Amino acid sequence: SRIADVELSLPHKHLVETKGSKENFELILQRFNPVGGNRPEIVSVEHEGYYNQWKQEQAKPLSKEIKKVMFIEHPTIYAHDHDIPSGFQPILLDLAVRILKCLKGRFHVMISLHPDGLKNCDHGEIYRPYVDEILSKRFEHVYEEADAFVFGYFPTTCFGFALPTNKRMVYFDYGFNFLDETTREMLD
């Protein structure tokens, strides 16, 4: 797991937002060994930010019809891909274009560009033929414009932010991320 291999390899304490997150991270530590054998203490700060966001989002009416779909771009720089095979970016780009082609004409299609993605080299223009809108603002500032989200690669901060919303979500899992059975059941 990327979390165990990298993120937990250095700190003595790893802060998480809730008791539930603490339990999940402790399970990760049981299943995987961080680089260098580091075993940080997992500490819950009991922050209710996601819970409060979930309550606010659930109070909003669910769209009866999906009209606007937002595709969330994967970062296209290698620094983000230390946990997946080298050269995977062209495959993700190809998948993104194929998904966008399928959506175009059926929905109003938007793409939310990743700050470390094509926004930096061509401002997402490669997607222009396949989308109605290219969004370069942060996902947190534009997510309300969509009725549904499509994640071509789901281990992103946007995915975690999107979970508490009342939006429909589709995600693709390539098997590179080791989701335990409980987590997979919650996502499905």
N, C-alpha and C. Protein backbone atom coordinates (compact mmCIF):
# COMPACT_ATOMS: atom_id res chain seq x y z
N SER A 1 0.84 -1.18 0.00
CA SER A 1 0.00 0.00 0.00
C SER A 1 0.88 1.24 0.00
N ARG A 2 0.51 2.21 -0.82
CA ARG A 2 1.28 3.46 -0.89
C ARG A 2 1.33 4.13 0.48
N ILE A 3 0.22 4.08 1.21
CA ILE A 3 0.17 4.72 2.51
C ILE A 3 1.22 4.12 3.43
N ALA A 4 1.25 2.79 3.52
CA ALA A 4 2.21 2.14 4.42
C ALA A 4 3.63 2.31 3.92
N ASP A 5 3.85 2.14 2.62
CA ASP A 5 5.20 2.20 2.08
C ASP A 5 5.84 3.57 2.20
N VAL A 6 5.08 4.61 1.95
CA VAL A 6 5.67 5.95 1.86
C VAL A 6 5.21 6.86 2.99
N GLU A 7 3.92 7.13 3.06
CA GLU A 7 3.43 8.14 4.00
C GLU A 7 3.70 7.79 5.46
N LEU A 8 3.75 6.50 5.80
CA LEU A 8 3.98 6.12 7.18
C LEU A 8 5.42 5.74 7.46
N SER A 9 6.31 5.96 6.51
CA SER A 9 7.70 5.53 6.69
C SER A 9 8.54 6.49 7.54
N LEU A 10 8.12 7.73 7.69
CA LEU A 10 8.95 8.71 8.39
C LEU A 10 8.44 9.19 9.75
N PRO A 11 7.13 9.46 9.91
CA PRO A 11 6.70 10.10 11.16
C PRO A 11 6.70 9.14 12.35
N HIS A 12 6.79 9.73 13.53
CA HIS A 12 6.63 8.95 14.77
C HIS A 12 5.16 8.89 15.15
N LYS A 13 4.42 9.93 14.74
CA LYS A 13 2.98 9.97 14.96
C LYS A 13 2.32 10.35 13.64
N HIS A 14 1.19 9.72 13.34
CA HIS A 14 0.43 10.04 12.13
C HIS A 14 -0.96 10.47 12.58
N LEU A 15 -1.34 11.72 12.29
CA LEU A 15 -2.62 12.27 12.72
C LEU A 15 -3.70 11.97 11.70
N VAL A 16 -4.85 11.52 12.20
CA VAL A 16 -6.02 11.27 11.35
C VAL A 16 -7.21 11.99 11.96
N GLU A 17 -8.30 12.11 11.20
CA GLU A 17 -9.42 12.95 11.64
C GLU A 17 -10.40 12.28 12.60
N THR A 18 -10.55 10.95 12.52
CA THR A 18 -11.59 10.30 13.32
C THR A 18 -11.10 8.98 13.90
N LYS A 19 -11.88 8.44 14.85
CA LYS A 19 -11.57 7.12 15.41
C LYS A 19 -11.63 6.06 14.31
N GLY A 20 -12.60 6.20 13.41
CA GLY A 20 -12.73 5.25 12.31
C GLY A 20 -11.49 5.25 11.42
N SER A 21 -10.96 6.45 11.14
CA SER A 21 -9.73 6.55 10.35
C SER A 21 -8.57 5.91 11.10
N LYS A 22 -8.53 6.12 12.39
CA LYS A 22 -7.47 5.53 13.21
C LYS A 22 -7.51 4.01 13.08
N GLU A 23 -8.70 3.43 13.19
CA GLU A 23 -8.83 1.98 13.07
C GLU A 23 -8.37 1.50 11.70
N ASN A 24 -8.75 2.23 10.64
CA ASN A 24 -8.34 1.85 9.29
C ASN A 24 -6.82 1.90 9.13
N PHE A 25 -6.19 2.96 9.64
CA PHE A 25 -4.74 3.07 9.52
C PHE A 25 -4.03 2.01 10.34
N GLU A 26 -4.58 1.66 11.49
CA GLU A 26 -3.98 0.59 12.28
C GLU A 26 -4.06 -0.75 11.55
N LEU A 27 -5.17 -0.97 10.83
CA LEU A 27 -5.27 -2.18 10.00
C LEU A 27 -4.23 -2.18 8.88
N ILE A 28 -4.01 -1.01 8.29
CA ILE A 28 -2.99 -0.90 7.24
C ILE A 28 -1.62 -1.27 7.80
N LEU A 29 -1.32 -0.76 8.98
CA LEU A 29 -0.02 -1.06 9.60
C LEU A 29 0.13 -2.55 9.91
N GLN A 30 -0.98 -3.22 10.20
CA GLN A 30 -0.92 -4.66 10.46
C GLN A 30 -0.63 -5.44 9.17
N ARG A 31 -1.16 -4.94 8.06
CA ARG A 31 -1.04 -5.67 6.79
C ARG A 31 0.23 -5.35 6.02
N PHE A 32 0.78 -4.16 6.18
CA PHE A 32 1.93 -3.73 5.38
C PHE A 32 3.03 -3.19 6.27
N ASN A 33 4.24 -3.29 5.79
CA ASN A 33 5.38 -2.75 6.52
C ASN A 33 5.87 -1.48 5.86
N PRO A 34 5.84 -0.37 6.59
CA PRO A 34 6.39 0.87 6.02
C PRO A 34 7.89 0.72 5.74
N VAL A 35 8.38 1.51 4.82
CA VAL A 35 9.79 1.53 4.48
C VAL A 35 10.60 1.75 5.75
N GLY A 36 11.64 0.98 5.94
CA GLY A 36 12.50 1.13 7.10
C GLY A 36 11.92 0.54 8.37
N GLY A 37 10.75 -0.10 8.28
CA GLY A 37 10.16 -0.73 9.45
C GLY A 37 9.56 0.23 10.46
N ASN A 38 9.39 1.48 10.10
CA ASN A 38 8.81 2.47 11.00
C ASN A 38 7.38 2.07 11.37
N ARG A 39 7.02 2.19 12.63
CA ARG A 39 5.67 1.88 13.10
C ARG A 39 5.14 3.10 13.87
N PRO A 40 4.63 4.12 13.16
CA PRO A 40 4.19 5.32 13.87
C PRO A 40 2.94 5.06 14.70
N GLU A 41 2.80 5.86 15.73
CA GLU A 41 1.57 5.83 16.52
C GLU A 41 0.49 6.56 15.71
N ILE A 42 -0.68 5.95 15.58
CA ILE A 42 -1.79 6.58 14.87
C ILE A 42 -2.63 7.31 15.91
N VAL A 43 -2.82 8.62 15.71
CA VAL A 43 -3.51 9.45 16.69
C VAL A 43 -4.71 10.12 16.03
N SER A 44 -5.87 9.97 16.65
CA SER A 44 -7.08 10.62 16.15
C SER A 44 -7.23 11.98 16.81
N VAL A 45 -7.44 13.01 15.98
CA VAL A 45 -7.65 14.36 16.53
C VAL A 45 -9.14 14.67 16.68
N GLU A 46 -9.98 13.71 16.28
CA GLU A 46 -11.44 13.86 16.39
C GLU A 46 -11.95 15.17 15.80
N HIS A 47 -11.56 15.39 14.58
CA HIS A 47 -12.01 16.57 13.84
C HIS A 47 -13.30 16.18 13.11
N GLU A 48 -14.29 17.02 13.12
CA GLU A 48 -15.58 16.68 12.52
C GLU A 48 -15.82 17.34 11.17
N GLY A 49 -14.74 17.75 10.52
CA GLY A 49 -14.89 18.45 9.24
C GLY A 49 -15.62 17.63 8.19
N TYR A 50 -15.20 16.40 7.97
CA TYR A 50 -15.87 15.56 6.97
C TYR A 50 -17.29 15.22 7.39
N TYR A 51 -17.49 14.97 8.68
CA TYR A 51 -18.83 14.66 9.16
C TYR A 51 -19.76 15.86 8.95
N ASN A 52 -19.28 17.05 9.28
CA ASN A 52 -20.10 18.25 9.07
C ASN A 52 -20.37 18.48 7.59
N GLN A 53 -19.35 18.24 6.76
CA GLN A 53 -19.55 18.35 5.31
C GLN A 53 -20.61 17.34 4.85
N TRP A 54 -20.53 16.12 5.35
CA TRP A 54 -21.48 15.07 4.97
C TRP A 54 -22.90 15.50 5.36
N LYS A 55 -23.07 16.03 6.58
CA LYS A 55 -24.41 16.47 7.02
C LYS A 55 -24.95 17.55 6.10
N GLN A 56 -24.10 18.53 5.75
CA GLN A 56 -24.54 19.62 4.87
C GLN A 56 -24.90 19.08 3.49
N GLU A 57 -24.07 18.20 2.96
CA GLU A 57 -24.30 17.66 1.62
C GLU A 57 -25.55 16.79 1.57
N GLN A 58 -25.78 16.00 2.60
CA GLN A 58 -26.93 15.11 2.61
C GLN A 58 -28.25 15.88 2.74
N ALA A 59 -28.19 17.10 3.24
CA ALA A 59 -29.39 17.93 3.34
C ALA A 59 -29.81 18.47 1.98
N LYS A 60 -28.91 18.45 1.02
CA LYS A 60 -29.22 18.93 -0.33
C LYS A 60 -30.01 17.85 -1.08
N PRO A 61 -30.92 18.26 -1.94
CA PRO A 61 -31.68 17.25 -2.70
C PRO A 61 -30.78 16.53 -3.71
N LEU A 62 -31.00 15.24 -3.86
CA LEU A 62 -30.29 14.44 -4.84
C LEU A 62 -30.86 14.74 -6.22
N SER A 63 -30.00 14.92 -7.18
CA SER A 63 -30.47 15.19 -8.55
C SER A 63 -31.32 14.03 -9.03
N LYS A 64 -32.48 14.36 -9.57
CA LYS A 64 -33.36 13.30 -10.10
C LYS A 64 -32.83 12.77 -11.42
N GLU A 65 -32.11 13.63 -12.12
CA GLU A 65 -31.58 13.25 -13.43
C GLU A 65 -30.13 13.72 -13.50
N ILE A 66 -29.28 12.88 -14.06
CA ILE A 66 -27.88 13.26 -14.21
C ILE A 66 -27.74 13.98 -15.55
N LYS A 67 -27.45 15.27 -15.48
CA LYS A 67 -27.27 16.08 -16.68
C LYS A 67 -25.82 16.47 -16.88
N LYS A 68 -25.14 16.78 -15.75
CA LYS A 68 -23.75 17.23 -15.82
C LYS A 68 -22.84 16.22 -15.12
N VAL A 69 -21.84 15.76 -15.86
CA VAL A 69 -20.89 14.79 -15.33
C VAL A 69 -19.50 15.42 -15.32
N MET A 70 -18.81 15.28 -14.19
CA MET A 70 -17.46 15.82 -14.06
C MET A 70 -16.47 14.66 -14.00
N PHE A 71 -15.53 14.67 -14.94
CA PHE A 71 -14.43 13.70 -14.93
C PHE A 71 -13.27 14.35 -14.19
N ILE A 72 -12.69 13.64 -13.24
CA ILE A 72 -11.59 14.19 -12.45
C ILE A 72 -10.29 13.63 -13.01
N GLU A 73 -9.46 14.54 -13.52
CA GLU A 73 -8.20 14.15 -14.16
C GLU A 73 -7.20 13.63 -13.14
N HIS A 74 -6.46 12.62 -13.53
CA HIS A 74 -5.35 12.10 -12.73
C HIS A 74 -4.12 12.97 -12.99
N PRO A 75 -3.27 13.17 -11.97
CA PRO A 75 -2.05 13.94 -12.23
C PRO A 75 -1.19 13.22 -13.25
N THR A 76 -0.60 13.97 -14.15
CA THR A 76 0.16 13.36 -15.23
C THR A 76 1.66 13.59 -15.09
N ILE A 77 2.11 13.75 -13.85
CA ILE A 77 3.55 13.83 -13.63
C ILE A 77 3.97 12.59 -12.85
N TYR A 78 5.18 12.13 -13.09
CA TYR A 78 5.63 10.87 -12.52
C TYR A 78 5.77 10.91 -11.01
N ALA A 79 5.94 12.06 -10.42
CA ALA A 79 6.11 12.14 -8.97
C ALA A 79 4.92 11.57 -8.23
N HIS A 80 3.74 11.58 -8.85
CA HIS A 80 2.54 11.07 -8.19
C HIS A 80 2.39 9.56 -8.34
N ASP A 81 3.23 8.95 -9.15
CA ASP A 81 3.02 7.55 -9.48
C ASP A 81 4.08 6.62 -8.94
N HIS A 82 4.50 6.86 -7.71
CA HIS A 82 5.51 5.99 -7.12
C HIS A 82 4.95 4.62 -6.76
N ASP A 83 3.64 4.46 -6.78
CA ASP A 83 3.04 3.19 -6.38
C ASP A 83 2.45 2.40 -7.55
N ILE A 84 2.58 2.89 -8.77
CA ILE A 84 2.05 2.18 -9.92
C ILE A 84 3.14 2.03 -10.97
N PRO A 85 2.97 1.11 -11.91
CA PRO A 85 4.03 0.85 -12.88
C PRO A 85 4.45 2.09 -13.67
N SER A 86 5.71 2.14 -14.00
CA SER A 86 6.25 3.24 -14.80
C SER A 86 5.55 3.29 -16.15
N GLY A 87 5.36 4.49 -16.64
CA GLY A 87 4.73 4.65 -17.95
C GLY A 87 3.23 4.51 -17.94
N PHE A 88 2.60 4.62 -16.78
CA PHE A 88 1.16 4.44 -16.68
C PHE A 88 0.38 5.67 -17.12
N GLN A 89 1.04 6.83 -17.14
CA GLN A 89 0.34 8.07 -17.50
C GLN A 89 -0.30 8.01 -18.88
N PRO A 90 0.39 7.51 -19.92
CA PRO A 90 -0.28 7.43 -21.23
C PRO A 90 -1.52 6.54 -21.21
N ILE A 91 -1.48 5.51 -20.39
CA ILE A 91 -2.65 4.62 -20.28
C ILE A 91 -3.80 5.37 -19.62
N LEU A 92 -3.49 6.14 -18.57
CA LEU A 92 -4.54 6.93 -17.91
C LEU A 92 -5.10 8.00 -18.85
N LEU A 93 -4.24 8.62 -19.64
CA LEU A 93 -4.70 9.62 -20.60
C LEU A 93 -5.60 8.97 -21.65
N ASP A 94 -5.20 7.81 -22.14
CA ASP A 94 -6.02 7.08 -23.11
C ASP A 94 -7.37 6.71 -22.51
N LEU A 95 -7.36 6.22 -21.28
CA LEU A 95 -8.61 5.86 -20.62
C LEU A 95 -9.49 7.10 -20.45
N ALA A 96 -8.89 8.22 -20.04
CA ALA A 96 -9.66 9.45 -19.86
C ALA A 96 -10.35 9.84 -21.16
N VAL A 97 -9.62 9.81 -22.26
CA VAL A 97 -10.20 10.20 -23.55
C VAL A 97 -11.32 9.23 -23.94
N ARG A 98 -11.12 7.95 -23.71
CA ARG A 98 -12.17 6.97 -24.04
C ARG A 98 -13.43 7.18 -23.21
N ILE A 99 -13.24 7.45 -21.91
CA ILE A 99 -14.40 7.70 -21.04
C ILE A 99 -15.12 8.97 -21.48
N LEU A 100 -14.35 10.03 -21.75
CA LEU A 100 -14.96 11.29 -22.18
C LEU A 100 -15.72 11.13 -23.49
N LYS A 101 -15.16 10.34 -24.42
CA LYS A 101 -15.87 10.08 -25.69
C LYS A 101 -17.20 9.39 -25.44
N CYS A 102 -17.22 8.46 -24.50
CA CYS A 102 -18.47 7.76 -24.18
C CYS A 102 -19.51 8.68 -23.55
N LEU A 103 -19.05 9.63 -22.75
CA LEU A 103 -19.96 10.54 -22.05
C LEU A 103 -20.48 11.66 -22.95
N LYS A 104 -19.63 12.12 -23.87
CA LYS A 104 -19.95 13.27 -24.72
C LYS A 104 -21.20 12.97 -25.54
N GLY A 105 -22.10 13.92 -25.56
CA GLY A 105 -23.34 13.76 -26.31
C GLY A 105 -24.47 13.20 -25.45
N ARG A 106 -24.11 12.49 -24.39
CA ARG A 106 -25.13 11.96 -23.47
C ARG A 106 -25.35 12.89 -22.28
N PHE A 107 -24.28 13.60 -21.93
CA PHE A 107 -24.30 14.49 -20.77
C PHE A 107 -23.56 15.77 -21.12
N HIS A 108 -23.72 16.77 -20.28
CA HIS A 108 -22.85 17.94 -20.32
C HIS A 108 -21.58 17.49 -19.60
N VAL A 109 -20.47 17.43 -20.30
CA VAL A 109 -19.25 16.83 -19.75
C VAL A 109 -18.25 17.92 -19.36
N MET A 110 -17.78 17.82 -18.13
CA MET A 110 -16.76 18.73 -17.61
C MET A 110 -15.55 17.90 -17.20
N ILE A 111 -14.38 18.49 -17.29
CA ILE A 111 -13.20 17.84 -16.75
C ILE A 111 -12.58 18.78 -15.74
N SER A 112 -12.30 18.23 -14.57
CA SER A 112 -11.63 18.98 -13.52
C SER A 112 -10.14 18.65 -13.62
N LEU A 113 -9.35 19.63 -14.04
CA LEU A 113 -7.92 19.40 -14.25
C LEU A 113 -7.19 19.32 -12.92
N HIS A 114 -6.27 18.38 -12.83
CA HIS A 114 -5.45 18.24 -11.63
C HIS A 114 -4.38 19.34 -11.64
N PRO A 115 -4.07 19.92 -10.49
CA PRO A 115 -3.04 20.98 -10.46
C PRO A 115 -1.69 20.52 -11.01
N ASP A 116 -1.39 19.22 -10.92
CA ASP A 116 -0.13 18.69 -11.43
C ASP A 116 -0.34 17.92 -12.73
N GLY A 117 -1.41 18.25 -13.43
CA GLY A 117 -1.72 17.53 -14.65
C GLY A 117 -1.48 18.37 -15.89
N LEU A 118 -2.26 18.11 -16.90
CA LEU A 118 -2.09 18.79 -18.19
C LEU A 118 -2.38 20.28 -18.10
N LYS A 119 -2.98 20.72 -17.02
CA LYS A 119 -3.22 22.14 -16.81
C LYS A 119 -1.90 22.92 -16.96
N ASN A 120 -0.80 22.29 -16.57
CA ASN A 120 0.49 22.96 -16.58
C ASN A 120 1.15 23.00 -17.95
N CYS A 121 0.76 22.12 -18.88
CA CYS A 121 1.45 22.14 -20.17
C CYS A 121 0.56 22.64 -21.30
N ASP A 122 -0.69 22.21 -21.35
CA ASP A 122 -1.53 22.70 -22.45
C ASP A 122 -2.89 23.20 -21.97
N HIS A 123 -3.00 23.40 -20.66
CA HIS A 123 -4.25 23.89 -20.05
C HIS A 123 -5.42 22.96 -20.34
N GLY A 124 -5.12 21.68 -20.56
CA GLY A 124 -6.18 20.70 -20.79
C GLY A 124 -6.76 20.72 -22.19
N GLU A 125 -6.14 21.44 -23.11
CA GLU A 125 -6.69 21.56 -24.46
C GLU A 125 -6.78 20.21 -25.19
N ILE A 126 -5.99 19.25 -24.78
CA ILE A 126 -6.06 17.92 -25.41
C ILE A 126 -7.46 17.32 -25.22
N TYR A 127 -8.15 17.74 -24.17
CA TYR A 127 -9.50 17.22 -23.89
C TYR A 127 -10.60 17.99 -24.63
N ARG A 128 -10.28 19.13 -25.20
CA ARG A 128 -11.29 20.03 -25.77
C ARG A 128 -12.32 19.32 -26.67
N PRO A 129 -11.91 18.41 -27.59
CA PRO A 129 -12.91 17.79 -28.45
C PRO A 129 -13.90 16.88 -27.72
N TYR A 130 -13.58 16.51 -26.48
CA TYR A 130 -14.37 15.50 -25.79
C TYR A 130 -15.17 16.04 -24.61
N VAL A 131 -15.06 17.34 -24.34
CA VAL A 131 -15.75 17.92 -23.18
C VAL A 131 -16.47 19.21 -23.58
N ASP A 132 -17.42 19.56 -22.74
CA ASP A 132 -18.11 20.84 -22.91
C ASP A 132 -17.44 21.95 -22.11
N GLU A 133 -16.76 21.57 -21.01
CA GLU A 133 -16.09 22.56 -20.17
C GLU A 133 -14.79 21.99 -19.62
N ILE A 134 -13.77 22.82 -19.58
CA ILE A 134 -12.51 22.49 -18.93
C ILE A 134 -12.41 23.36 -17.69
N LEU A 135 -12.36 22.72 -16.53
CA LEU A 135 -12.34 23.44 -15.25
C LEU A 135 -10.93 23.43 -14.68
N SER A 136 -10.38 24.60 -14.47
CA SER A 136 -9.02 24.66 -13.93
C SER A 136 -8.99 25.10 -12.47
N LYS A 137 -10.14 25.48 -11.94
CA LYS A 137 -10.19 25.81 -10.51
C LYS A 137 -10.12 24.51 -9.70
N ARG A 138 -9.75 24.65 -8.45
CA ARG A 138 -9.65 23.48 -7.57
C ARG A 138 -11.00 22.75 -7.51
N PHE A 139 -10.94 21.44 -7.43
CA PHE A 139 -12.14 20.60 -7.38
C PHE A 139 -13.10 21.06 -6.29
N GLU A 140 -12.56 21.42 -5.13
CA GLU A 140 -13.38 21.85 -4.01
C GLU A 140 -14.20 23.10 -4.32
N HIS A 141 -13.80 23.84 -5.35
CA HIS A 141 -14.50 25.07 -5.72
C HIS A 141 -15.51 24.86 -6.85
N VAL A 142 -15.45 23.69 -7.50
CA VAL A 142 -16.32 23.48 -8.66
C VAL A 142 -17.18 22.22 -8.56
N TYR A 143 -17.01 21.42 -7.52
CA TYR A 143 -17.71 20.13 -7.46
C TYR A 143 -19.23 20.26 -7.49
N GLU A 144 -19.76 21.36 -6.99
CA GLU A 144 -21.21 21.52 -6.94
C GLU A 144 -21.84 21.70 -8.33
N GLU A 145 -21.02 21.96 -9.34
CA GLU A 145 -21.55 22.15 -10.69
C GLU A 145 -21.98 20.84 -11.33
N ALA A 146 -21.56 19.70 -10.77
CA ALA A 146 -21.84 18.40 -11.38
C ALA A 146 -22.94 17.65 -10.64
N ASP A 147 -23.62 16.78 -11.38
CA ASP A 147 -24.59 15.85 -10.79
C ASP A 147 -23.92 14.53 -10.43
N ALA A 148 -22.80 14.24 -11.11
CA ALA A 148 -22.10 12.97 -10.88
C ALA A 148 -20.61 13.16 -11.18
N PHE A 149 -19.80 12.29 -10.58
CA PHE A 149 -18.36 12.33 -10.78
C PHE A 149 -17.88 11.01 -11.39
N VAL A 150 -16.87 11.11 -12.24
CA VAL A 150 -16.20 9.92 -12.77
C VAL A 150 -14.72 10.07 -12.45
N PHE A 151 -14.18 9.08 -11.77
CA PHE A 151 -12.76 9.05 -11.41
C PHE A 151 -12.09 7.97 -12.24
N GLY A 152 -11.23 8.39 -13.17
CA GLY A 152 -10.47 7.41 -13.94
C GLY A 152 -9.41 6.75 -13.08
N TYR A 153 -9.04 7.41 -11.99
CA TYR A 153 -8.07 6.90 -11.03
C TYR A 153 -8.49 7.47 -9.69
N PHE A 154 -8.94 6.63 -8.79
CA PHE A 154 -9.60 7.16 -7.61
C PHE A 154 -8.74 7.51 -6.40
N PRO A 155 -7.50 7.02 -6.25
CA PRO A 155 -6.76 7.41 -5.04
C PRO A 155 -6.26 8.86 -5.11
N THR A 156 -7.18 9.78 -5.00
CA THR A 156 -6.85 11.20 -5.05
C THR A 156 -7.52 11.90 -3.87
N THR A 157 -7.05 13.08 -3.55
CA THR A 157 -7.70 13.85 -2.49
C THR A 157 -9.12 14.25 -2.90
N CYS A 158 -9.34 14.41 -4.19
CA CYS A 158 -10.69 14.75 -4.67
C CYS A 158 -11.68 13.63 -4.37
N PHE A 159 -11.23 12.39 -4.45
CA PHE A 159 -12.11 11.26 -4.17
C PHE A 159 -12.57 11.31 -2.71
N GLY A 160 -11.63 11.56 -1.81
CA GLY A 160 -12.00 11.67 -0.40
C GLY A 160 -12.93 12.84 -0.14
N PHE A 161 -12.70 13.94 -0.83
CA PHE A 161 -13.57 15.10 -0.69
C PHE A 161 -14.96 14.81 -1.25
N ALA A 162 -15.04 14.03 -2.33
CA ALA A 162 -16.31 13.75 -2.98
C ALA A 162 -17.17 12.74 -2.22
N LEU A 163 -16.55 11.86 -1.44
CA LEU A 163 -17.30 10.81 -0.75
C LEU A 163 -18.45 11.33 0.11
N PRO A 164 -18.27 12.38 0.90
CA PRO A 164 -19.39 12.83 1.74
C PRO A 164 -20.50 13.56 0.96
N THR A 165 -20.28 13.86 -0.31
CA THR A 165 -21.30 14.60 -1.05
C THR A 165 -22.46 13.67 -1.39
N ASN A 166 -23.54 14.25 -1.86
CA ASN A 166 -24.68 13.45 -2.29
C ASN A 166 -24.66 13.23 -3.80
N LYS A 167 -23.49 13.29 -4.39
CA LYS A 167 -23.33 13.10 -5.83
C LYS A 167 -23.10 11.62 -6.14
N ARG A 168 -23.56 11.20 -7.28
CA ARG A 168 -23.28 9.84 -7.73
C ARG A 168 -21.84 9.77 -8.21
N MET A 169 -21.20 8.61 -7.99
CA MET A 169 -19.79 8.48 -8.33
C MET A 169 -19.53 7.16 -9.05
N VAL A 170 -18.63 7.24 -10.03
CA VAL A 170 -18.13 6.05 -10.72
C VAL A 170 -16.61 6.11 -10.59
N TYR A 171 -16.00 5.00 -10.24
CA TYR A 171 -14.54 4.98 -10.16
C TYR A 171 -14.00 3.73 -10.82
N PHE A 172 -12.76 3.82 -11.29
CA PHE A 172 -12.06 2.71 -11.90
C PHE A 172 -10.94 2.28 -10.97
N ASP A 173 -10.83 0.98 -10.74
CA ASP A 173 -9.79 0.43 -9.88
C ASP A 173 -8.95 -0.53 -10.71
N TYR A 174 -7.66 -0.27 -10.78
CA TYR A 174 -6.77 -1.08 -11.61
C TYR A 174 -6.10 -2.19 -10.82
N GLY A 175 -6.39 -2.30 -9.53
CA GLY A 175 -5.77 -3.32 -8.72
C GLY A 175 -4.42 -2.93 -8.15
N PHE A 176 -3.98 -1.69 -8.37
CA PHE A 176 -2.70 -1.25 -7.82
C PHE A 176 -2.85 -0.80 -6.37
N ASN A 177 -4.06 -0.54 -5.96
CA ASN A 177 -4.31 -0.08 -4.60
C ASN A 177 -4.96 -1.21 -3.83
N PHE A 178 -4.37 -1.54 -2.74
CA PHE A 178 -4.82 -2.68 -1.97
C PHE A 178 -5.94 -2.26 -1.03
N LEU A 179 -7.16 -2.34 -1.52
CA LEU A 179 -8.29 -2.00 -0.67
C LEU A 179 -8.71 -3.25 0.08
N ASP A 180 -8.84 -3.12 1.39
CA ASP A 180 -9.30 -4.27 2.14
C ASP A 180 -10.78 -4.50 1.83
N GLU A 181 -11.26 -5.66 2.18
CA GLU A 181 -12.64 -6.05 1.83
C GLU A 181 -13.67 -5.09 2.41
N THR A 182 -13.46 -4.64 3.64
CA THR A 182 -14.41 -3.72 4.27
C THR A 182 -14.50 -2.40 3.50
N THR A 183 -13.34 -1.85 3.13
CA THR A 183 -13.33 -0.59 2.38
C THR A 183 -14.00 -0.77 1.03
N ARG A 184 -13.68 -1.85 0.34
CA ARG A 184 -14.28 -2.10 -0.96
C ARG A 184 -15.80 -2.22 -0.85
N GLU A 185 -16.28 -2.90 0.17
CA GLU A 185 -17.73 -3.03 0.37
C GLU A 185 -18.38 -1.67 0.61
N MET A 186 -17.71 -0.81 1.38
CA MET A 186 -18.26 0.51 1.65
C MET A 186 -18.34 1.34 0.35
N LEU A 187 -17.35 1.19 -0.52
CA LEU A 187 -17.34 1.95 -1.78
C LEU A 187 -18.38 1.42 -2.75
N ASP A 188 -18.58 0.13 -2.76
CA ASP A 188 -19.55 -0.45 -3.69
C ASP A 188 -20.94 -0.19 -3.20
